[in-house]
Amino acid sequence: MGFFRRDSTPFPLTGPLTFEPRAASAPWRLWADGFGSLAIRCLQLILVVTVAGAAIFGIQLITVVTIPLVLALILASAFEPVMRWMRGRGVPSVVATLLTLVAIVALLGGVAWLIAAAVQNQWADLAEQAQQGFEDVVAWVNTLPFAPTESQLQDWMGALTDFVTSAQFGSGALAGVGAVANFVTGFVLLVTVLFFFLKDGPQMWEFLLRPFSGAEYERARRIGDKTVATLGSYIRGTAGVAAVDAIGILIGLLILQVPLALPLAALVFILAFIPIVGATVAGILAALVALVANGWIVALLVVGVVVLVNQLEGNFLQPFLMGRSMKLHAFVVLVALTVGAVVAGVVGAILAVPITAVAWGIVQVWDGPDTPARWARPKHPGDAALTS
């Protein structure tokens, strides 16, 4: 056996055929050792963080569009069983969509109207009671050895009056008007997008799946089904828990004759969509109203009612309505709430947990209907603690 020259004469081999690897150049050797691998990982991490930061920055710039889109997706997922039930009984798609959309808008508008009417009817009495409570607090402060003098109080009131009549306060009021305009625009966009999601959601998703085929197509289908199921289950379960919380606290406030009981109960319902933090904030607000209007004894009783309702909800109602598959570890929830609040304020805090639940649900079906991604598979039974 041998190699051949250009003139086809053999070139004999006198020893075994060996190949010496070409020595790597000095710059590449710097990336081949352990420290070089660490540097590559750091560069990859920086790239991922940069892309994520750019995406978050873009979302913040167009929240008037992105937030209605996400809310419309969540509402469409929550009412997907209703749409499927009506379509299965022969109701035309347009009619089913209009009925569902009118029901959603009527529900949201009715809650807002009830809150506004109750506040308007009881606001004068509550303002008078608040003024009397403020005067009582000032009188108590004046009895303390470090109480401010009358001239200091007048200076503080003058500074507050100057701020209210200043250009800075006026610009803040104009910003408030702009916020109202953005809210109206976002609400109109929400209703419009929700109409199309309810009517043509499955067809829109199939259109987005056209570039995929084979295993990628099946994975994308699993992701879509899991997203809709997770969002729907989360919102329906949370709404049920929030309704029971609001009714229980409303009954307690009515028995204790606390003013603004209906608006406070509605606020409890809304804040229940913010896990952990929402119940605490709702209890504080209810106790403050009771403290101003009814005294500290009734305020303590209100705190007791809120704690009792929250304990019953957390230990019995929530596991029954939402199930263990929707639960996330408290640490994960707190991190998600913090990130959501920083990115998009109160709305971000409300959306953070369902979005996190969707992300974890996608991981759980990445390699199959019941097969998580390889890196997320538990190696020991206790490794699944962060999801329960």
Protein backbone atom coordinates (compact mmCIF):
# COMPACT_ATOMS: atom_id res chain seq x y z
CA MET A 1 0.00 0.00 0.00
CA GLY A 2 1.36 3.43 -0.81
CA PHE A 3 0.66 6.86 -2.12
CA PHE A 4 1.01 7.72 -5.83
CA ARG A 5 3.09 10.49 -7.35
CA ARG A 6 1.76 12.73 -10.11
CA ASP A 7 3.29 10.37 -12.71
CA SER A 8 1.26 7.43 -11.20
CA THR A 9 4.38 5.73 -9.79
CA PRO A 10 3.88 4.47 -6.25
CA PHE A 11 5.50 6.14 -3.31
CA PRO A 12 6.28 3.35 -0.82
CA LEU A 13 5.52 3.63 2.84
CA THR A 14 8.23 2.32 5.12
CA GLY A 15 6.38 2.78 8.39
CA PRO A 16 2.91 3.15 9.96
CA LEU A 17 0.74 6.05 8.69
CA THR A 18 0.37 8.71 11.38
CA PHE A 19 -1.08 12.21 11.41
CA GLU A 20 0.21 14.89 13.71
CA PRO A 21 -2.51 17.35 14.81
CA ARG A 22 -1.83 20.86 13.77
CA ALA A 23 -0.82 22.92 16.77
CA ALA A 24 -3.47 25.42 17.77
CA SER A 25 -2.49 29.00 17.41
CA ALA A 26 -1.79 30.94 20.58
CA PRO A 27 -5.04 33.00 20.57
CA TRP A 28 -7.24 29.91 20.31
CA ARG A 29 -5.36 28.13 23.10
CA LEU A 30 -6.56 30.91 25.42
CA TRP A 31 -10.18 29.78 24.87
CA ALA A 32 -9.49 26.04 25.13
CA ASP A 33 -8.74 25.72 28.84
CA GLY A 34 -11.17 25.88 31.77
CA PHE A 35 -10.88 29.63 32.23
CA GLY A 36 -11.52 30.15 28.52
CA SER A 37 -14.69 28.03 28.73
CA LEU A 38 -15.83 30.15 31.67
CA ALA A 39 -15.19 33.31 29.66
CA ILE A 40 -17.26 31.94 26.75
CA ARG A 41 -20.13 31.16 29.10
CA CYS A 42 -19.92 34.66 30.55
CA LEU A 43 -20.07 36.18 27.08
CA GLN A 44 -23.08 34.03 26.25
CA LEU A 45 -24.77 35.13 29.49
CA ILE A 46 -24.07 38.78 28.72
CA LEU A 47 -25.61 38.32 25.26
CA VAL A 48 -28.74 36.68 26.71
CA VAL A 49 -29.13 39.39 29.36
CA THR A 50 -28.67 42.09 26.71
CA VAL A 51 -31.35 40.60 24.48
CA ALA A 52 -33.72 40.16 27.44
CA GLY A 53 -33.07 43.74 28.57
CA ALA A 54 -33.74 45.05 25.07
CA ALA A 55 -36.99 43.08 24.94
CA ILE A 56 -38.10 44.44 28.33
CA PHE A 57 -37.18 47.97 27.28
CA GLY A 58 -39.22 47.57 24.11
CA ILE A 59 -42.18 46.24 26.09
CA GLN A 60 -42.01 49.23 28.42
CA LEU A 61 -42.07 51.62 25.46
CA ILE A 62 -45.27 50.13 24.04
CA THR A 63 -47.12 48.96 27.15
CA VAL A 64 -50.27 50.52 25.75
CA VAL A 65 -50.11 47.72 23.13
CA THR A 66 -48.40 44.81 24.89
CA ILE A 67 -50.49 44.87 28.07
CA PRO A 68 -53.86 44.77 26.22
CA LEU A 69 -52.50 41.92 24.07
CA VAL A 70 -51.51 39.86 27.12
CA LEU A 71 -54.78 40.64 28.93
CA ALA A 72 -56.76 39.68 25.83
CA LEU A 73 -54.86 36.39 25.60
CA ILE A 74 -55.54 35.65 29.27
CA LEU A 75 -59.26 36.45 29.00
CA ALA A 76 -59.59 34.44 25.79
CA SER A 77 -57.90 31.46 27.50
CA ALA A 78 -60.20 31.79 30.51
CA PHE A 79 -63.34 31.77 28.35
CA GLU A 80 -62.10 29.17 25.87
CA PRO A 81 -64.28 26.39 27.42
CA VAL A 82 -67.35 28.61 27.00
CA MET A 83 -66.54 29.23 23.34
CA ARG A 84 -65.87 25.51 22.76
CA TRP A 85 -69.16 24.60 24.46
CA MET A 86 -71.20 27.01 22.31
CA ARG A 87 -69.46 25.98 19.08
CA GLY A 88 -70.10 22.33 19.93
CA ARG A 89 -73.83 23.05 20.11
CA GLY A 90 -73.98 24.68 16.74
CA VAL A 91 -73.80 28.34 17.75
CA PRO A 92 -72.17 30.35 14.93
CA SER A 93 -68.69 31.55 15.77
CA VAL A 94 -69.56 35.24 15.40
CA VAL A 95 -72.62 34.93 17.64
CA ALA A 96 -70.71 32.99 20.30
CA THR A 97 -67.92 35.57 20.21
CA LEU A 98 -70.30 38.51 20.56
CA LEU A 99 -72.17 36.86 23.44
CA THR A 100 -68.94 36.11 25.29
CA LEU A 101 -67.48 39.54 24.62
CA VAL A 102 -70.63 41.35 25.80
CA ALA A 103 -70.66 39.22 28.96
CA ILE A 104 -67.02 40.09 29.71
CA VAL A 105 -67.47 43.83 29.10
CA ALA A 106 -70.74 43.87 31.09
CA LEU A 107 -69.04 42.09 34.00
CA LEU A 108 -66.09 44.49 34.09
CA GLY A 109 -68.29 47.56 33.59
CA GLY A 110 -70.77 46.41 36.23
CA VAL A 111 -68.05 45.97 38.84
CA ALA A 112 -66.63 49.43 38.06
CA TRP A 113 -70.11 51.01 38.24
CA LEU A 114 -70.89 49.37 41.60
CA ILE A 115 -67.61 50.62 43.05
CA ALA A 116 -68.14 54.17 41.78
CA ALA A 117 -71.76 54.30 42.99
CA ALA A 118 -70.90 53.01 46.46
CA VAL A 119 -67.99 55.44 46.84
CA GLN A 120 -70.11 58.36 45.67
CA ASN A 121 -72.90 57.55 48.13
CA GLN A 122 -70.63 57.15 51.16
CA TRP A 123 -67.74 59.46 50.33
CA ALA A 124 -69.14 62.53 52.13
CA ASP A 125 -69.69 60.66 55.41
CA LEU A 126 -66.29 58.99 55.19
CA ALA A 127 -64.54 62.30 54.44
CA GLU A 128 -66.18 63.90 57.48
CA GLN A 129 -65.17 60.96 59.65
CA ALA A 130 -61.65 61.08 58.26
CA GLN A 131 -61.37 64.78 59.05
CA GLN A 132 -62.56 64.16 62.60
CA GLY A 133 -60.10 61.29 62.94
CA PHE A 134 -57.27 63.50 61.67
CA GLU A 135 -58.16 66.18 64.20
CA ASP A 136 -58.16 63.55 66.96
CA VAL A 137 -54.72 62.35 65.87
CA VAL A 138 -53.39 65.93 65.85
CA ALA A 139 -54.81 66.53 69.33
CA TRP A 140 -53.13 63.34 70.56
CA VAL A 141 -49.80 64.31 68.97
CA ASN A 142 -49.95 67.70 70.73
CA THR A 143 -49.93 65.90 74.07
CA LEU A 144 -46.55 64.29 73.33
CA PRO A 145 -43.35 65.91 74.66
CA PHE A 146 -41.90 66.17 71.14
CA ALA A 147 -45.10 67.49 69.52
CA PRO A 148 -44.68 70.08 66.74
CA THR A 149 -45.63 73.65 67.52
CA GLU A 150 -48.57 75.47 66.01
CA SER A 151 -46.27 77.52 63.76
CA GLN A 152 -44.64 74.34 62.42
CA LEU A 153 -48.04 72.87 61.58
CA GLN A 154 -48.98 76.07 59.78
CA ASP A 155 -45.71 75.99 57.83
CA TRP A 156 -46.37 72.40 56.76
CA MET A 157 -49.92 73.24 55.67
CA GLY A 158 -48.57 76.26 53.75
CA ALA A 159 -46.00 74.10 51.99
CA LEU A 160 -48.72 71.60 51.04
CA THR A 161 -50.91 74.42 49.71
CA ASP A 162 -48.03 75.83 47.68
CA PHE A 163 -47.37 72.40 46.14
CA VAL A 164 -51.04 71.95 45.19
CA THR A 165 -51.08 75.34 43.46
CA SER A 166 -47.64 74.96 41.86
CA ALA A 167 -46.77 74.15 38.26
CA GLN A 168 -45.34 70.80 39.36
CA PHE A 169 -48.73 69.70 40.67
CA GLY A 170 -50.33 70.95 37.47
CA SER A 171 -47.95 68.92 35.34
CA GLY A 172 -48.78 65.90 37.47
CA ALA A 173 -52.48 66.50 36.83
CA LEU A 174 -51.79 66.69 33.08
CA ALA A 175 -49.87 63.43 33.34
CA GLY A 176 -52.93 61.96 35.04
CA VAL A 177 -55.09 63.06 32.12
CA GLY A 178 -52.62 61.41 29.76
CA ALA A 179 -52.81 58.22 31.80
CA VAL A 180 -56.60 58.23 31.50
CA ALA A 181 -56.30 58.66 27.72
CA ASN A 182 -53.85 55.75 27.55
CA PHE A 183 -56.23 53.63 29.63
CA VAL A 184 -59.14 54.33 27.28
CA THR A 185 -56.96 53.55 24.26
CA GLY A 186 -55.71 50.34 25.83
CA PHE A 187 -59.23 49.27 26.79
CA VAL A 188 -60.53 49.78 23.24
CA LEU A 189 -57.55 47.81 21.89
CA LEU A 190 -58.18 45.09 24.50
CA VAL A 191 -61.80 44.66 23.43
CA THR A 192 -60.85 44.60 19.74
CA VAL A 193 -58.04 42.07 20.13
CA LEU A 194 -60.17 39.95 22.47
CA PHE A 195 -62.88 39.76 19.80
CA PHE A 196 -60.43 38.32 17.26
CA PHE A 197 -58.82 35.98 19.80
CA LEU A 198 -62.22 34.57 20.75
CA LYS A 199 -63.43 34.28 17.18
CA ASP A 200 -60.30 33.18 15.29
CA GLY A 201 -57.83 32.16 17.99
CA PRO A 202 -57.30 28.54 16.83
CA GLN A 203 -56.94 29.60 13.18
CA MET A 204 -54.46 32.35 14.13
CA TRP A 205 -52.35 29.83 16.05
CA GLU A 206 -52.39 27.36 13.16
CA PHE A 207 -51.19 30.13 10.86
CA LEU A 208 -48.25 30.83 13.18
CA LEU A 209 -47.36 27.10 13.16
CA ARG A 210 -46.99 26.89 9.37
CA PRO A 211 -43.16 27.22 9.38
CA PHE A 212 -42.84 24.19 11.69
CA SER A 213 -42.95 20.52 10.76
CA GLY A 214 -42.36 17.18 12.35
CA ALA A 215 -41.17 17.19 15.95
CA GLU A 216 -40.96 20.99 16.02
CA TYR A 217 -44.62 21.25 14.97
CA GLU A 218 -45.73 18.81 17.66
CA ARG A 219 -43.72 20.74 20.26
CA ALA A 220 -45.26 24.04 19.18
CA ARG A 221 -48.75 22.51 19.39
CA ARG A 222 -48.02 21.28 22.92
CA ILE A 223 -46.76 24.75 23.89
CA GLY A 224 -49.91 26.41 22.57
CA ASP A 225 -52.25 23.93 24.26
CA LYS A 226 -50.33 24.17 27.53
CA THR A 227 -50.36 27.98 27.45
CA VAL A 228 -54.12 28.18 26.96
CA ALA A 229 -54.78 25.50 29.58
CA THR A 230 -52.46 27.09 32.15
CA LEU A 231 -53.75 30.63 31.70
CA GLY A 232 -57.37 29.48 31.71
CA SER A 233 -56.99 27.32 34.80
CA TYR A 234 -55.06 30.01 36.65
CA ILE A 235 -57.51 32.82 35.91
CA ARG A 236 -60.64 30.75 36.57
CA GLY A 237 -59.22 29.33 39.79
CA THR A 238 -57.97 32.72 41.00
CA ALA A 239 -61.28 34.36 40.13
CA GLY A 240 -63.17 31.74 42.14
CA VAL A 241 -60.88 32.17 45.12
CA ALA A 242 -61.07 35.96 44.85
CA ALA A 243 -64.88 35.89 44.70
CA VAL A 244 -65.12 33.78 47.84
CA ASP A 245 -62.61 36.05 49.62
CA ALA A 246 -64.54 39.17 48.60
CA ILE A 247 -67.89 37.74 49.69
CA GLY A 248 -66.52 36.58 53.04
CA ILE A 249 -64.88 39.92 53.81
CA LEU A 250 -67.97 41.79 52.57
CA ILE A 251 -70.15 39.88 55.03
CA GLY A 252 -67.73 40.68 57.86
CA LEU A 253 -67.61 44.39 56.97
CA LEU A 254 -71.40 44.60 56.75
CA ILE A 255 -71.79 42.94 60.14
CA LEU A 256 -69.27 45.35 61.67
CA GLN A 257 -70.98 48.28 59.87
CA VAL A 258 -67.79 49.49 58.20
CA PRO A 259 -68.45 52.13 55.49
CA LEU A 260 -67.45 51.50 51.88
CA ALA A 261 -67.93 47.77 52.42
CA LEU A 262 -68.80 47.09 48.77
CA PRO A 263 -65.83 49.00 47.28
CA LEU A 264 -63.50 47.35 49.78
CA ALA A 265 -64.86 43.91 48.85
CA ALA A 266 -64.34 44.71 45.16
CA LEU A 267 -60.80 45.81 45.96
CA VAL A 268 -60.24 42.51 47.77
CA PHE A 269 -61.39 40.70 44.61
CA ILE A 270 -58.98 42.65 42.40
CA LEU A 271 -55.99 42.42 44.74
CA ALA A 272 -56.51 38.66 45.12
CA PHE A 273 -54.94 38.33 41.65
CA ILE A 274 -51.64 39.47 43.23
CA PRO A 275 -50.57 36.47 45.36
CA ILE A 276 -49.22 36.98 48.89
CA VAL A 277 -49.03 40.79 48.65
CA GLY A 278 -52.62 41.42 47.54
CA ALA A 279 -54.30 39.93 50.60
CA THR A 280 -52.04 41.94 52.92
CA VAL A 281 -52.72 45.24 51.13
CA ALA A 282 -56.48 44.62 51.08
CA GLY A 283 -56.49 43.84 54.80
CA ILE A 284 -54.51 47.01 55.62
CA LEU A 285 -56.89 49.21 53.60
CA ALA A 286 -59.98 47.68 55.17
CA ALA A 287 -58.51 48.08 58.65
CA LEU A 288 -57.60 51.73 57.98
CA VAL A 289 -61.14 52.55 56.85
CA ALA A 290 -62.54 50.81 59.94
CA LEU A 291 -60.05 52.66 62.16
CA VAL A 292 -61.10 56.05 60.78
CA ALA A 293 -64.84 55.36 60.78
CA ASN A 294 -65.42 52.94 63.67
CA GLY A 295 -62.44 53.03 66.02
CA TRP A 296 -59.55 50.74 66.81
CA ILE A 297 -61.67 47.89 68.28
CA VAL A 298 -63.61 47.43 65.05
CA ALA A 299 -60.36 47.78 63.10
CA LEU A 300 -58.87 44.86 65.04
CA LEU A 301 -62.00 42.82 64.35
CA VAL A 302 -61.65 43.60 60.64
CA VAL A 303 -58.06 42.37 60.73
CA GLY A 304 -59.29 39.17 62.37
CA VAL A 305 -61.93 38.67 59.65
CA VAL A 306 -59.35 39.20 56.89
CA VAL A 307 -56.89 36.76 58.49
CA LEU A 308 -59.61 34.13 58.98
CA VAL A 309 -60.85 34.37 55.39
CA ASN A 310 -57.30 34.22 54.01
CA GLN A 311 -56.48 31.15 56.10
CA LEU A 312 -59.60 29.34 54.93
CA GLU A 313 -58.83 30.27 51.33
CA GLY A 314 -55.16 29.27 51.47
CA ASN A 315 -55.65 25.94 53.26
CA PHE A 316 -58.89 24.65 51.74
CA LEU A 317 -60.28 26.62 48.81
CA GLN A 318 -57.17 27.35 46.74
CA PRO A 319 -55.86 23.75 46.59
CA PHE A 320 -59.35 22.56 45.60
CA LEU A 321 -59.98 25.12 42.82
CA MET A 322 -56.48 25.48 41.38
CA GLY A 323 -54.82 22.15 42.09
CA ARG A 324 -51.18 21.43 42.74
CA SER A 325 -50.24 21.72 39.08
CA MET A 326 -50.81 25.50 39.23
CA LYS A 327 -48.82 26.10 42.39
CA LEU A 328 -45.40 27.72 42.42
CA HIS A 329 -43.01 27.99 45.30
CA ALA A 330 -43.40 31.17 47.37
CA PHE A 331 -39.85 32.22 46.52
CA VAL A 332 -40.58 31.97 42.79
CA VAL A 333 -43.81 33.95 43.26
CA LEU A 334 -42.04 36.74 45.17
CA VAL A 335 -39.31 37.04 42.53
CA ALA A 336 -41.90 37.09 39.74
CA LEU A 337 -43.96 39.75 41.56
CA THR A 338 -40.89 41.93 42.07
CA VAL A 339 -39.81 41.71 38.44
CA GLY A 340 -43.35 42.30 37.19
CA ALA A 341 -43.85 45.34 39.43
CA VAL A 342 -40.54 46.85 38.31
CA VAL A 343 -41.27 46.31 34.62
CA ALA A 344 -44.97 47.29 34.46
CA GLY A 345 -46.15 48.44 37.87
CA VAL A 346 -49.38 47.06 39.31
CA VAL A 347 -50.41 45.46 36.01
CA GLY A 348 -47.04 43.75 35.83
CA ALA A 349 -47.48 42.40 39.35
CA ILE A 350 -50.87 40.96 38.35
CA LEU A 351 -49.53 39.36 35.17
CA ALA A 352 -46.21 38.14 36.58
CA VAL A 353 -47.44 34.95 38.24
CA PRO A 354 -49.58 33.61 35.36
CA ILE A 355 -46.76 34.32 32.89
CA THR A 356 -44.33 32.49 35.18
CA ALA A 357 -46.77 29.59 35.46
CA VAL A 358 -47.00 29.45 31.65
CA ALA A 359 -43.20 29.44 31.32
CA TRP A 360 -42.90 26.56 33.77
CA GLY A 361 -45.75 24.72 32.05
CA ILE A 362 -43.94 25.01 28.71
CA VAL A 363 -40.83 23.51 30.28
CA GLN A 364 -42.94 20.60 31.55
CA VAL A 365 -44.09 19.61 28.02
CA TRP A 366 -40.94 20.52 26.10
CA ASP A 367 -39.92 16.94 25.20
CA GLY A 368 -43.38 15.34 25.31
CA PRO A 369 -46.90 15.59 26.77
CA ASP A 370 -45.61 14.50 30.18
CA THR A 371 -41.86 14.85 29.60
CA PRO A 372 -40.11 18.00 30.84
CA ALA A 373 -37.00 19.40 29.23
CA ARG A 374 -33.93 17.34 30.06
CA TRP A 375 -32.41 19.94 32.37
CA ALA A 376 -35.69 20.27 34.33
CA ARG A 377 -36.24 16.58 35.04
CA PRO A 378 -35.95 15.80 38.76
CA LYS A 379 -33.09 13.48 39.63
CA HIS A 380 -34.47 12.80 43.10
CA PRO A 381 -38.05 12.95 44.45
CA GLY A 382 -37.25 16.05 46.55
CA ASP A 383 -36.02 18.05 43.55
CA ALA A 384 -39.58 19.02 42.59
CA ALA A 385 -40.05 21.08 45.78
CA LEU A 386 -39.89 24.44 43.98
CA THR A 387 -43.10 23.66 42.10
CA SER A 388 -45.26 22.66 45.03
